[in-house]
N, C-alpha and C. Protein backbone atom coordinates (compact mmCIF):
# COMPACT_ATOMS: atom_id res chain seq x y z
N MET A 1 -86.27 -100.92 62.75
CA MET A 1 -87.48 -100.99 63.55
C MET A 1 -88.13 -99.61 63.60
N ILE A 2 -89.44 -99.58 63.62
CA ILE A 2 -90.17 -98.32 63.67
C ILE A 2 -91.19 -98.38 64.79
N GLN A 3 -91.33 -97.29 65.52
CA GLN A 3 -92.33 -97.18 66.57
C GLN A 3 -93.28 -96.06 66.16
N LEU A 4 -94.51 -96.43 65.85
CA LEU A 4 -95.50 -95.45 65.42
C LEU A 4 -96.11 -94.74 66.62
N LEU A 5 -96.51 -93.51 66.42
CA LEU A 5 -97.12 -92.71 67.47
C LEU A 5 -98.62 -92.58 67.25
N GLY A 6 -99.36 -92.39 68.33
CA GLY A 6 -100.79 -92.15 68.25
C GLY A 6 -101.55 -93.26 67.56
N SER A 7 -102.42 -92.89 66.62
CA SER A 7 -103.26 -93.87 65.94
C SER A 7 -102.77 -94.11 64.51
N ARG A 8 -101.47 -94.03 64.31
CA ARG A 8 -100.91 -94.23 62.97
C ARG A 8 -100.77 -95.72 62.66
N VAL A 9 -100.82 -96.01 61.35
CA VAL A 9 -100.77 -97.38 60.86
C VAL A 9 -99.74 -97.45 59.73
N LEU A 10 -98.94 -98.50 59.73
CA LEU A 10 -97.96 -98.74 58.67
C LEU A 10 -98.44 -99.94 57.86
N ILE A 11 -98.61 -99.74 56.55
CA ILE A 11 -99.19 -100.76 55.67
C ILE A 11 -98.26 -101.06 54.51
N ARG A 12 -98.14 -102.35 54.18
CA ARG A 12 -97.41 -102.78 52.98
C ARG A 12 -98.44 -102.88 51.86
N PRO A 13 -98.47 -101.90 50.94
CA PRO A 13 -99.47 -101.92 49.86
C PRO A 13 -99.26 -103.12 48.95
N GLU A 14 -100.37 -103.59 48.36
CA GLU A 14 -100.29 -104.73 47.45
C GLU A 14 -99.75 -104.37 46.08
N GLY A 15 -99.64 -103.11 45.75
CA GLY A 15 -99.09 -102.71 44.45
C GLY A 15 -99.90 -101.61 43.83
N LEU A 16 -99.34 -101.04 42.78
CA LEU A 16 -100.01 -99.95 42.08
C LEU A 16 -101.06 -100.50 41.13
N LYS A 17 -102.07 -99.73 40.89
CA LYS A 17 -103.09 -100.10 39.91
C LYS A 17 -102.60 -99.72 38.52
N ASP A 18 -103.22 -100.28 37.50
CA ASP A 18 -102.81 -100.02 36.12
C ASP A 18 -102.78 -98.52 35.82
N GLY A 19 -101.70 -98.07 35.24
CA GLY A 19 -101.58 -96.69 34.82
C GLY A 19 -101.04 -95.75 35.87
N GLU A 20 -100.91 -96.18 37.12
CA GLU A 20 -100.39 -95.31 38.17
C GLU A 20 -98.87 -95.29 38.13
N LYS A 21 -98.31 -94.16 38.54
CA LYS A 21 -96.86 -94.02 38.61
C LYS A 21 -96.49 -93.37 39.93
N VAL A 22 -95.28 -93.65 40.42
CA VAL A 22 -94.78 -93.04 41.64
C VAL A 22 -93.56 -92.20 41.29
N THR A 23 -93.56 -90.94 41.72
CA THR A 23 -92.42 -90.06 41.47
C THR A 23 -91.29 -90.42 42.42
N SER A 24 -90.10 -89.88 42.19
CA SER A 24 -88.95 -90.17 43.05
C SER A 24 -89.18 -89.67 44.48
N SER A 25 -90.06 -88.70 44.66
CA SER A 25 -90.36 -88.20 46.00
C SER A 25 -91.50 -88.97 46.67
N GLY A 26 -92.07 -89.97 45.97
CA GLY A 26 -93.08 -90.83 46.57
C GLY A 26 -94.51 -90.43 46.29
N ILE A 27 -94.74 -89.47 45.40
CA ILE A 27 -96.10 -89.05 45.09
C ILE A 27 -96.69 -90.01 44.06
N ILE A 28 -97.90 -90.52 44.34
CA ILE A 28 -98.58 -91.42 43.41
C ILE A 28 -99.38 -90.57 42.43
N ILE A 29 -99.13 -90.79 41.13
CA ILE A 29 -99.84 -90.05 40.08
C ILE A 29 -100.84 -91.00 39.44
N PRO A 30 -102.15 -90.72 39.59
CA PRO A 30 -103.16 -91.59 38.99
C PRO A 30 -103.21 -91.41 37.48
N PRO A 31 -103.81 -92.37 36.77
CA PRO A 31 -103.97 -92.21 35.33
C PRO A 31 -104.79 -90.97 35.01
N VAL A 32 -104.46 -90.30 33.93
CA VAL A 32 -105.16 -89.08 33.52
C VAL A 32 -106.62 -89.40 33.21
N GLY A 33 -107.52 -88.55 33.68
CA GLY A 33 -108.94 -88.70 33.37
C GLY A 33 -109.68 -89.67 34.28
N ASN A 34 -109.00 -90.26 35.25
CA ASN A 34 -109.65 -91.21 36.13
C ASN A 34 -110.26 -90.46 37.31
N ARG A 35 -111.54 -90.25 37.31
CA ARG A 35 -112.22 -89.48 38.36
C ARG A 35 -112.61 -90.35 39.55
N LYS A 36 -112.86 -91.62 39.33
CA LYS A 36 -113.25 -92.50 40.43
C LYS A 36 -112.02 -93.25 40.92
N GLU A 37 -111.60 -92.95 42.13
CA GLU A 37 -110.41 -93.58 42.68
C GLU A 37 -110.81 -94.72 43.61
N ALA A 38 -110.32 -95.89 43.32
CA ALA A 38 -110.59 -97.05 44.17
C ALA A 38 -109.59 -97.07 45.31
N PRO A 39 -110.02 -97.49 46.49
CA PRO A 39 -109.08 -97.62 47.60
C PRO A 39 -108.11 -98.76 47.35
N SER A 40 -107.04 -98.80 48.12
CA SER A 40 -106.02 -99.83 47.99
C SER A 40 -106.16 -100.88 49.09
N MET A 41 -105.50 -102.01 48.86
CA MET A 41 -105.45 -103.06 49.87
C MET A 41 -104.00 -103.28 50.26
N GLY A 42 -103.80 -103.79 51.45
CA GLY A 42 -102.45 -104.07 51.90
C GLY A 42 -102.45 -104.79 53.23
N GLU A 43 -101.25 -105.11 53.69
CA GLU A 43 -101.07 -105.83 54.96
C GLU A 43 -100.53 -104.87 56.02
N VAL A 44 -101.12 -104.90 57.21
CA VAL A 44 -100.68 -104.06 58.31
C VAL A 44 -99.32 -104.58 58.80
N VAL A 45 -98.34 -103.68 58.84
CA VAL A 45 -96.99 -104.03 59.30
C VAL A 45 -96.82 -103.66 60.77
N ALA A 46 -97.32 -102.49 61.16
CA ALA A 46 -97.20 -102.01 62.54
C ALA A 46 -98.33 -101.02 62.82
N VAL A 47 -98.66 -100.88 64.11
CA VAL A 47 -99.69 -99.93 64.52
C VAL A 47 -99.20 -99.14 65.73
N GLY A 48 -99.71 -97.90 65.87
CA GLY A 48 -99.40 -97.08 67.02
C GLY A 48 -100.19 -97.54 68.23
N PRO A 49 -99.89 -97.00 69.40
CA PRO A 49 -100.55 -97.43 70.64
C PRO A 49 -102.04 -97.11 70.72
N HIS A 50 -102.53 -96.19 69.91
CA HIS A 50 -103.95 -95.84 69.94
C HIS A 50 -104.75 -96.47 68.80
N ALA A 51 -104.12 -97.29 67.99
CA ALA A 51 -104.80 -97.97 66.89
C ALA A 51 -105.20 -99.37 67.36
N LEU A 52 -106.12 -99.42 68.31
CA LEU A 52 -106.46 -100.68 68.97
C LEU A 52 -107.25 -101.64 68.10
N GLU A 53 -107.89 -101.16 67.03
CA GLU A 53 -108.72 -102.02 66.20
C GLU A 53 -107.91 -102.92 65.27
N LEU A 54 -106.64 -102.57 65.06
CA LEU A 54 -105.81 -103.31 64.10
C LEU A 54 -104.63 -103.96 64.78
N LYS A 55 -104.10 -105.01 64.10
CA LYS A 55 -102.86 -105.63 64.55
C LYS A 55 -102.05 -106.04 63.33
N ALA A 56 -100.76 -106.19 63.51
CA ALA A 56 -99.87 -106.56 62.41
C ALA A 56 -100.33 -107.88 61.79
N GLY A 57 -100.25 -107.94 60.47
CA GLY A 57 -100.61 -109.15 59.75
C GLY A 57 -102.00 -109.13 59.14
N GLN A 58 -102.87 -108.22 59.56
CA GLN A 58 -104.22 -108.14 59.00
C GLN A 58 -104.18 -107.49 57.62
N ARG A 59 -105.06 -107.94 56.72
CA ARG A 59 -105.22 -107.29 55.42
C ARG A 59 -106.33 -106.25 55.55
N VAL A 60 -106.07 -105.08 54.98
CA VAL A 60 -107.02 -103.97 55.11
C VAL A 60 -107.23 -103.28 53.77
N VAL A 61 -108.33 -102.52 53.70
CA VAL A 61 -108.62 -101.62 52.59
C VAL A 61 -108.40 -100.22 53.15
N PHE A 62 -107.65 -99.38 52.41
CA PHE A 62 -107.36 -98.04 52.93
C PHE A 62 -107.37 -97.01 51.80
N SER A 63 -107.58 -95.76 52.17
CA SER A 63 -107.56 -94.65 51.21
C SER A 63 -106.10 -94.26 50.96
N LYS A 64 -105.53 -94.76 49.88
CA LYS A 64 -104.09 -94.61 49.68
C LYS A 64 -103.65 -93.17 49.52
N TYR A 65 -104.50 -92.29 49.04
CA TYR A 65 -104.08 -90.91 48.86
C TYR A 65 -104.08 -90.13 50.17
N GLU A 66 -104.55 -90.75 51.23
CA GLU A 66 -104.49 -90.14 52.57
C GLU A 66 -103.26 -90.64 53.33
N PHE A 67 -102.49 -91.55 52.73
CA PHE A 67 -101.30 -92.11 53.36
C PHE A 67 -100.06 -91.55 52.67
N ASP A 68 -98.96 -91.50 53.42
CA ASP A 68 -97.67 -91.07 52.88
C ASP A 68 -96.81 -92.29 52.62
N LEU A 69 -96.04 -92.27 51.54
CA LEU A 69 -95.12 -93.36 51.26
C LEU A 69 -93.81 -93.11 52.00
N VAL A 70 -93.30 -94.15 52.65
CA VAL A 70 -92.00 -94.10 53.31
C VAL A 70 -91.19 -95.29 52.83
N LYS A 71 -89.88 -95.13 52.82
CA LYS A 71 -89.01 -96.22 52.40
C LYS A 71 -88.24 -96.71 53.62
N LEU A 72 -88.45 -97.96 53.99
CA LEU A 72 -87.75 -98.58 55.12
C LEU A 72 -87.10 -99.87 54.63
N ASP A 73 -85.81 -100.00 54.84
CA ASP A 73 -85.08 -101.21 54.43
C ASP A 73 -85.36 -101.55 52.97
N ASP A 74 -85.28 -100.56 52.09
CA ASP A 74 -85.49 -100.73 50.64
C ASP A 74 -86.89 -101.21 50.27
N GLU A 75 -87.86 -101.00 51.13
CA GLU A 75 -89.24 -101.38 50.85
C GLU A 75 -90.12 -100.14 51.01
N GLU A 76 -91.03 -99.90 50.04
CA GLU A 76 -91.93 -98.77 50.13
C GLU A 76 -93.19 -99.17 50.88
N LEU A 77 -93.47 -98.45 51.96
CA LEU A 77 -94.63 -98.71 52.81
C LEU A 77 -95.46 -97.45 52.90
N SER A 78 -96.72 -97.60 53.30
CA SER A 78 -97.63 -96.46 53.46
C SER A 78 -97.88 -96.24 54.94
N ILE A 79 -97.82 -94.98 55.36
CA ILE A 79 -98.08 -94.63 56.76
C ILE A 79 -99.17 -93.57 56.81
N GLY A 80 -100.14 -93.77 57.71
CA GLY A 80 -101.24 -92.82 57.82
C GLY A 80 -102.05 -93.05 59.08
N GLU A 81 -103.14 -92.33 59.19
CA GLU A 81 -104.00 -92.40 60.37
C GLU A 81 -104.98 -93.57 60.29
N LEU A 82 -105.31 -94.13 61.42
CA LEU A 82 -106.26 -95.24 61.51
C LEU A 82 -107.59 -94.88 60.86
N GLY A 83 -108.01 -93.64 60.97
CA GLY A 83 -109.29 -93.22 60.40
C GLY A 83 -109.40 -93.35 58.89
N HIS A 84 -108.28 -93.52 58.21
CA HIS A 84 -108.28 -93.68 56.76
C HIS A 84 -108.21 -95.14 56.33
N VAL A 85 -108.24 -96.05 57.32
CA VAL A 85 -108.38 -97.47 57.02
C VAL A 85 -109.88 -97.74 56.96
N LEU A 86 -110.34 -98.26 55.83
CA LEU A 86 -111.77 -98.37 55.59
C LEU A 86 -112.38 -99.70 56.04
N ALA A 87 -111.59 -100.78 55.99
CA ALA A 87 -112.12 -102.09 56.32
C ALA A 87 -111.00 -103.08 56.60
N ILE A 88 -111.35 -104.12 57.36
CA ILE A 88 -110.44 -105.24 57.59
C ILE A 88 -110.96 -106.41 56.76
N LEU A 89 -110.07 -107.02 55.99
CA LEU A 89 -110.44 -108.17 55.15
C LEU A 89 -110.17 -109.46 55.94
N GLU A 90 -111.14 -110.34 55.94
CA GLU A 90 -110.97 -111.61 56.66
C GLU A 90 -110.96 -112.77 55.72
């Protein structure tokens, strides 16, 4: 179980885009020469007490390079600030 602080959000990313790689330390390496980075989509797993706009289970678009990868229960999740969530998908 995880308890987020402030306006942090925990997201289960939908997966890597073509050509992306993740290092053993969790750094996402984009394909070489790709200047336009598209945001990622994922499902909200948990939110901090100040992230009132979101709730668990919602699908969102977020700036993945502003989030950190964490490994919980053998699953890689993204954790970051609410301000880097760009949209809620309905």
